[in-house]
Amino acid sequence: MIIRHDAEALAATARGLGAQVIRGAVRYPGREGGLDVGDVEIEGPLCELKDQEVLVIVAALRPVQKAPAICGQCGTRCEGGECPACSAEREEAKRVVEERLLFDQEFSVLLSEG
């Protein structure tokens, strides 16, 4: 990985030579549906250079931090595949249904004996 200081020095050198430097987080889809870097839709500067030979330098300035997974059902933060809140709720509902079935079976036996 390129070190941030080295990438910034490279960008300063590029600016000094008259090159355009665009800096910012990469977002897709961007505001117009394309690819944005910072506040710039990246296709724009590239389209301005149509039919010219270009050199594009891309350097990450820091490692990506994963956004926490959020359960689409209940909004709880999830670590891994399954939401712990939804899983616990599902297990509790399963336990309640099993208890009710057992009660109904026992009640049916009592009614048939009487």
N, C-alpha and C. Protein backbone atom coordinates (compact mmCIF):
# COMPACT_ATOMS: atom_id res chain seq x y z
N MET A 1 0.84 -1.18 0.00
CA MET A 1 0.00 0.00 0.00
C MET A 1 0.89 1.24 0.00
N ILE A 2 0.48 2.27 -0.69
CA ILE A 2 1.22 3.52 -0.73
C ILE A 2 1.00 4.26 0.58
N ILE A 3 2.04 4.82 1.12
CA ILE A 3 1.94 5.57 2.36
C ILE A 3 1.36 6.94 2.06
N ARG A 4 0.48 7.41 2.93
CA ARG A 4 -0.24 8.67 2.72
C ARG A 4 0.71 9.82 2.36
N HIS A 5 1.80 9.96 3.10
CA HIS A 5 2.74 11.05 2.84
C HIS A 5 3.29 10.96 1.42
N ASP A 6 3.64 9.75 1.00
CA ASP A 6 4.18 9.56 -0.35
C ASP A 6 3.13 9.92 -1.41
N ALA A 7 1.88 9.53 -1.17
CA ALA A 7 0.81 9.83 -2.11
C ALA A 7 0.58 11.34 -2.20
N GLU A 8 0.62 12.03 -1.06
CA GLU A 8 0.43 13.48 -1.06
C GLU A 8 1.59 14.19 -1.75
N ALA A 9 2.81 13.68 -1.57
CA ALA A 9 3.97 14.26 -2.25
C ALA A 9 3.84 14.07 -3.76
N LEU A 10 3.38 12.90 -4.16
CA LEU A 10 3.17 12.62 -5.58
C LEU A 10 2.12 13.56 -6.16
N ALA A 11 1.05 13.79 -5.42
CA ALA A 11 0.00 14.70 -5.87
C ALA A 11 0.52 16.13 -5.98
N ALA A 12 1.33 16.57 -5.02
CA ALA A 12 1.91 17.92 -5.07
C ALA A 12 2.82 18.07 -6.28
N THR A 13 3.61 17.06 -6.57
CA THR A 13 4.47 17.09 -7.75
C THR A 13 3.64 17.15 -9.02
N ALA A 14 2.58 16.35 -9.06
CA ALA A 14 1.71 16.34 -10.24
C ALA A 14 1.07 17.71 -10.45
N ARG A 15 0.59 18.34 -9.37
CA ARG A 15 0.01 19.69 -9.49
C ARG A 15 1.06 20.68 -10.00
N GLY A 16 2.27 20.56 -9.47
CA GLY A 16 3.36 21.45 -9.87
C GLY A 16 3.69 21.33 -11.35
N LEU A 17 3.43 20.19 -11.91
CA LEU A 17 3.67 19.97 -13.34
C LEU A 17 2.46 20.31 -14.19
N GLY A 18 1.38 20.79 -13.54
CA GLY A 18 0.19 21.21 -14.28
C GLY A 18 -0.87 20.14 -14.42
N ALA A 19 -0.70 19.03 -13.74
CA ALA A 19 -1.70 17.96 -13.82
C ALA A 19 -2.86 18.25 -12.89
N GLN A 20 -4.01 17.72 -13.21
CA GLN A 20 -5.19 17.86 -12.36
C GLN A 20 -5.17 16.73 -11.33
N VAL A 21 -5.40 17.07 -10.08
CA VAL A 21 -5.44 16.08 -9.01
C VAL A 21 -6.81 16.16 -8.37
N ILE A 22 -7.48 15.04 -8.30
CA ILE A 22 -8.80 14.96 -7.68
C ILE A 22 -8.65 14.09 -6.45
N ARG A 23 -9.11 14.60 -5.32
CA ARG A 23 -8.93 13.87 -4.07
C ARG A 23 -10.27 13.76 -3.34
N GLY A 24 -10.54 12.62 -2.78
CA GLY A 24 -11.74 12.42 -1.98
C GLY A 24 -12.12 10.96 -1.94
N ALA A 25 -13.15 10.67 -1.20
CA ALA A 25 -13.64 9.29 -1.09
C ALA A 25 -14.31 8.87 -2.40
N VAL A 26 -14.11 7.64 -2.79
CA VAL A 26 -14.76 7.09 -3.98
C VAL A 26 -16.17 6.66 -3.61
N ARG A 27 -17.15 7.12 -4.39
CA ARG A 27 -18.55 6.76 -4.14
C ARG A 27 -19.18 6.26 -5.43
N TYR A 28 -19.88 5.15 -5.31
CA TYR A 28 -20.65 4.62 -6.42
C TYR A 28 -21.94 4.05 -5.88
N PRO A 29 -23.08 4.39 -6.37
CA PRO A 29 -23.25 5.38 -7.43
C PRO A 29 -23.09 6.78 -6.86
N GLY A 30 -22.59 7.69 -7.68
CA GLY A 30 -22.41 9.08 -7.28
C GLY A 30 -23.72 9.85 -7.43
N ARG A 31 -23.61 11.16 -7.32
CA ARG A 31 -24.80 12.01 -7.38
C ARG A 31 -25.57 11.86 -8.68
N GLU A 32 -24.84 11.70 -9.77
CA GLU A 32 -25.48 11.56 -11.08
C GLU A 32 -25.57 10.10 -11.53
N GLY A 33 -25.30 9.20 -10.61
CA GLY A 33 -25.38 7.77 -10.94
C GLY A 33 -24.07 7.17 -11.39
N GLY A 34 -23.06 8.02 -11.66
CA GLY A 34 -21.76 7.52 -12.09
C GLY A 34 -20.84 7.29 -10.91
N LEU A 35 -19.56 7.50 -11.16
CA LEU A 35 -18.54 7.28 -10.14
C LEU A 35 -18.01 8.64 -9.69
N ASP A 36 -18.07 8.91 -8.39
CA ASP A 36 -17.58 10.18 -7.83
C ASP A 36 -16.32 9.94 -7.03
N VAL A 37 -15.40 10.90 -7.09
CA VAL A 37 -14.26 10.96 -6.19
C VAL A 37 -14.36 12.30 -5.50
N GLY A 38 -14.61 12.28 -4.20
CA GLY A 38 -14.89 13.52 -3.50
C GLY A 38 -16.17 14.12 -4.03
N ASP A 39 -16.13 15.39 -4.39
CA ASP A 39 -17.30 16.06 -4.94
C ASP A 39 -17.28 16.11 -6.46
N VAL A 40 -16.37 15.38 -7.08
CA VAL A 40 -16.20 15.44 -8.54
C VAL A 40 -16.70 14.15 -9.17
N GLU A 41 -17.57 14.29 -10.14
CA GLU A 41 -17.96 13.12 -10.93
C GLU A 41 -16.79 12.82 -11.84
N ILE A 42 -16.14 11.71 -11.64
CA ILE A 42 -14.85 11.41 -12.26
C ILE A 42 -14.92 11.31 -13.79
N GLU A 43 -16.10 10.94 -14.31
CA GLU A 43 -16.21 10.83 -15.76
C GLU A 43 -16.00 12.18 -16.44
N GLY A 44 -16.38 13.28 -15.75
CA GLY A 44 -16.24 14.62 -16.32
C GLY A 44 -14.82 14.95 -16.73
N PRO A 45 -13.86 14.91 -15.79
CA PRO A 45 -12.48 15.22 -16.17
C PRO A 45 -11.92 14.27 -17.21
N LEU A 46 -12.33 13.01 -17.16
CA LEU A 46 -11.82 12.07 -18.17
C LEU A 46 -12.41 12.37 -19.54
N CYS A 47 -13.68 12.77 -19.59
CA CYS A 47 -14.30 13.11 -20.88
C CYS A 47 -13.64 14.33 -21.50
N GLU A 48 -13.18 15.27 -20.66
CA GLU A 48 -12.49 16.46 -21.17
C GLU A 48 -11.20 16.10 -21.89
N LEU A 49 -10.64 14.96 -21.55
CA LEU A 49 -9.37 14.52 -22.14
C LEU A 49 -9.57 13.46 -23.22
N LYS A 50 -10.79 13.39 -23.75
CA LYS A 50 -11.12 12.39 -24.77
C LYS A 50 -10.11 12.43 -25.92
N ASP A 51 -9.71 11.26 -26.33
CA ASP A 51 -8.77 11.06 -27.44
C ASP A 51 -7.33 11.44 -27.10
N GLN A 52 -7.06 11.80 -25.84
CA GLN A 52 -5.68 12.09 -25.44
C GLN A 52 -5.15 10.93 -24.63
N GLU A 53 -3.87 10.71 -24.70
CA GLU A 53 -3.26 9.70 -23.87
C GLU A 53 -3.12 10.28 -22.46
N VAL A 54 -3.54 9.54 -21.44
CA VAL A 54 -3.49 10.04 -20.07
C VAL A 54 -2.81 9.02 -19.17
N LEU A 55 -2.34 9.52 -18.05
CA LEU A 55 -1.81 8.67 -17.00
C LEU A 55 -2.65 8.96 -15.77
N VAL A 56 -3.30 7.94 -15.24
CA VAL A 56 -4.15 8.10 -14.06
C VAL A 56 -3.44 7.41 -12.90
N ILE A 57 -3.27 8.14 -11.82
CA ILE A 57 -2.65 7.58 -10.62
C ILE A 57 -3.71 7.54 -9.53
N VAL A 58 -3.93 6.36 -8.99
CA VAL A 58 -4.91 6.19 -7.92
C VAL A 58 -4.17 5.63 -6.71
N ALA A 59 -4.28 6.32 -5.59
CA ALA A 59 -3.60 5.87 -4.37
C ALA A 59 -4.54 5.98 -3.19
N ALA A 60 -4.75 4.88 -2.48
CA ALA A 60 -5.57 4.91 -1.27
C ALA A 60 -4.78 5.60 -0.17
N LEU A 61 -5.43 6.49 0.57
CA LEU A 61 -4.74 7.23 1.62
C LEU A 61 -4.87 6.58 2.99
N ARG A 62 -5.80 5.66 3.13
CA ARG A 62 -5.94 4.90 4.39
C ARG A 62 -6.73 3.64 4.09
N PRO A 63 -6.58 2.62 4.92
CA PRO A 63 -7.32 1.39 4.70
C PRO A 63 -8.83 1.62 4.86
N VAL A 64 -9.58 0.82 4.18
CA VAL A 64 -11.04 0.90 4.26
C VAL A 64 -11.51 0.36 5.60
N GLN A 65 -12.43 1.07 6.23
CA GLN A 65 -13.05 0.57 7.45
C GLN A 65 -14.42 0.05 7.07
N LYS A 66 -14.65 -1.22 7.37
CA LYS A 66 -15.94 -1.82 7.05
C LYS A 66 -17.04 -1.18 7.86
N ALA A 67 -18.11 -0.85 7.16
CA ALA A 67 -19.29 -0.33 7.86
C ALA A 67 -19.95 -1.50 8.59
N PRO A 68 -20.47 -1.25 9.78
CA PRO A 68 -21.12 -2.35 10.49
C PRO A 68 -22.37 -2.81 9.75
N ALA A 69 -22.60 -4.11 9.77
CA ALA A 69 -23.80 -4.66 9.14
C ALA A 69 -25.00 -4.32 10.01
N ILE A 70 -26.07 -3.90 9.37
CA ILE A 70 -27.30 -3.55 10.07
C ILE A 70 -28.40 -4.48 9.58
N CYS A 71 -29.13 -5.09 10.51
CA CYS A 71 -30.22 -6.00 10.16
C CYS A 71 -31.31 -5.20 9.44
N GLY A 72 -31.73 -5.67 8.29
CA GLY A 72 -32.78 -5.02 7.53
C GLY A 72 -34.15 -5.18 8.15
N GLN A 73 -34.29 -6.14 9.03
CA GLN A 73 -35.56 -6.42 9.69
C GLN A 73 -35.80 -5.52 10.90
N CYS A 74 -34.80 -5.46 11.80
CA CYS A 74 -35.02 -4.74 13.07
C CYS A 74 -34.07 -3.58 13.30
N GLY A 75 -33.03 -3.44 12.46
CA GLY A 75 -32.11 -2.32 12.60
C GLY A 75 -30.98 -2.53 13.59
N THR A 76 -30.84 -3.74 14.13
CA THR A 76 -29.78 -4.04 15.09
C THR A 76 -28.45 -4.24 14.37
N ARG A 77 -27.35 -3.78 14.99
CA ARG A 77 -26.02 -4.04 14.44
C ARG A 77 -25.73 -5.54 14.49
N CYS A 78 -25.20 -6.07 13.43
CA CYS A 78 -24.92 -7.52 13.34
C CYS A 78 -23.44 -7.73 13.10
N GLU A 79 -22.87 -8.66 13.78
CA GLU A 79 -21.50 -9.11 13.55
C GLU A 79 -21.61 -10.50 12.97
N GLY A 80 -21.30 -10.64 11.73
CA GLY A 80 -21.42 -11.95 11.10
C GLY A 80 -22.68 -12.05 10.26
N GLY A 81 -23.18 -13.25 10.09
CA GLY A 81 -24.28 -13.47 9.18
C GLY A 81 -25.67 -13.22 9.70
N GLU A 82 -25.97 -13.64 10.93
CA GLU A 82 -27.34 -13.59 11.41
C GLU A 82 -27.51 -12.56 12.51
N CYS A 83 -28.61 -11.85 12.49
CA CYS A 83 -28.91 -10.83 13.51
C CYS A 83 -29.20 -11.53 14.83
N PRO A 84 -28.48 -11.17 15.89
CA PRO A 84 -28.72 -11.83 17.18
C PRO A 84 -30.10 -11.53 17.75
N ALA A 85 -30.60 -10.32 17.54
CA ALA A 85 -31.92 -9.97 18.08
C ALA A 85 -33.02 -10.76 17.37
N CYS A 86 -32.96 -10.81 16.05
CA CYS A 86 -33.98 -11.56 15.30
C CYS A 86 -33.87 -13.05 15.57
N SER A 87 -32.65 -13.55 15.71
CA SER A 87 -32.44 -14.97 16.01
C SER A 87 -33.05 -15.32 17.37
N ALA A 88 -32.81 -14.47 18.38
CA ALA A 88 -33.36 -14.72 19.71
C ALA A 88 -34.89 -14.65 19.68
N GLU A 89 -35.42 -13.69 18.94
CA GLU A 89 -36.88 -13.56 18.84
C GLU A 89 -37.49 -14.78 18.15
N ARG A 90 -36.82 -15.25 17.10
CA ARG A 90 -37.30 -16.44 16.36
C ARG A 90 -37.26 -17.67 17.26
N GLU A 91 -36.19 -17.83 18.04
CA GLU A 91 -36.07 -18.97 18.96
C GLU A 91 -37.15 -18.91 20.04
N GLU A 92 -37.42 -17.71 20.55
CA GLU A 92 -38.46 -17.56 21.58
C GLU A 92 -39.83 -17.90 20.99
N ALA A 93 -40.11 -17.44 19.78
CA ALA A 93 -41.40 -17.74 19.14
C ALA A 93 -41.53 -19.25 18.92
N LYS A 94 -40.44 -19.89 18.51
CA LYS A 94 -40.45 -21.34 18.30
C LYS A 94 -40.74 -22.06 19.62
N ARG A 95 -40.10 -21.61 20.72
CA ARG A 95 -40.32 -22.22 22.03
C ARG A 95 -41.78 -22.06 22.47
N VAL A 96 -42.36 -20.88 22.26
CA VAL A 96 -43.75 -20.63 22.64
C VAL A 96 -44.70 -21.54 21.87
N VAL A 97 -44.43 -21.69 20.55
CA VAL A 97 -45.28 -22.56 19.72
C VAL A 97 -45.18 -24.01 20.19
N GLU A 98 -43.95 -24.47 20.48
CA GLU A 98 -43.76 -25.85 20.96
C GLU A 98 -44.48 -26.08 22.28
N GLU A 99 -44.39 -25.11 23.21
CA GLU A 99 -45.09 -25.23 24.49
C GLU A 99 -46.60 -25.29 24.27
N ARG A 100 -47.10 -24.47 23.37
CA ARG A 100 -48.55 -24.44 23.10
C ARG A 100 -49.00 -25.77 22.50
N LEU A 101 -48.21 -26.31 21.57
CA LEU A 101 -48.56 -27.61 20.98
C LEU A 101 -48.58 -28.71 22.03
N LEU A 102 -47.61 -28.69 22.91
CA LEU A 102 -47.55 -29.69 23.98
C LEU A 102 -48.77 -29.55 24.91
N PHE A 103 -49.11 -28.33 25.26
CA PHE A 103 -50.30 -28.08 26.09
C PHE A 103 -51.56 -28.58 25.40
N ASP A 104 -51.69 -28.24 24.09
CA ASP A 104 -52.87 -28.67 23.34
C ASP A 104 -52.97 -30.19 23.28
N GLN A 105 -51.84 -30.88 23.12
CA GLN A 105 -51.84 -32.34 23.07
C GLN A 105 -52.28 -32.92 24.41
N GLU A 106 -51.73 -32.37 25.48
CA GLU A 106 -52.08 -32.86 26.83
C GLU A 106 -53.55 -32.58 27.14
N PHE A 107 -54.03 -31.42 26.72
CA PHE A 107 -55.42 -31.05 26.95
C PHE A 107 -56.36 -31.97 26.16
N SER A 108 -55.97 -32.30 24.94
CA SER A 108 -56.77 -33.20 24.10
C SER A 108 -56.87 -34.57 24.75
N VAL A 109 -55.79 -35.07 25.35
CA VAL A 109 -55.79 -36.36 26.04
C VAL A 109 -56.74 -36.31 27.22
N LEU A 110 -56.70 -35.23 27.99
CA LEU A 110 -57.60 -35.09 29.14
C LEU A 110 -59.06 -35.06 28.71
N LEU A 111 -59.34 -34.38 27.60
CA LEU A 111 -60.73 -34.30 27.11
C LEU A 111 -61.23 -35.67 26.60
N SER A 112 -60.35 -36.42 25.96
CA SER A 112 -60.76 -37.71 25.43
C SER A 112 -60.95 -38.74 26.56
N GLU A 113 -60.28 -38.57 27.69
CA GLU A 113 -60.44 -39.47 28.81
C GLU A 113 -61.72 -39.20 29.59
N GLY A 114 -62.19 -37.96 29.51
CA GLY A 114 -63.31 -37.57 30.33
C GLY A 114 -64.61 -37.93 29.74
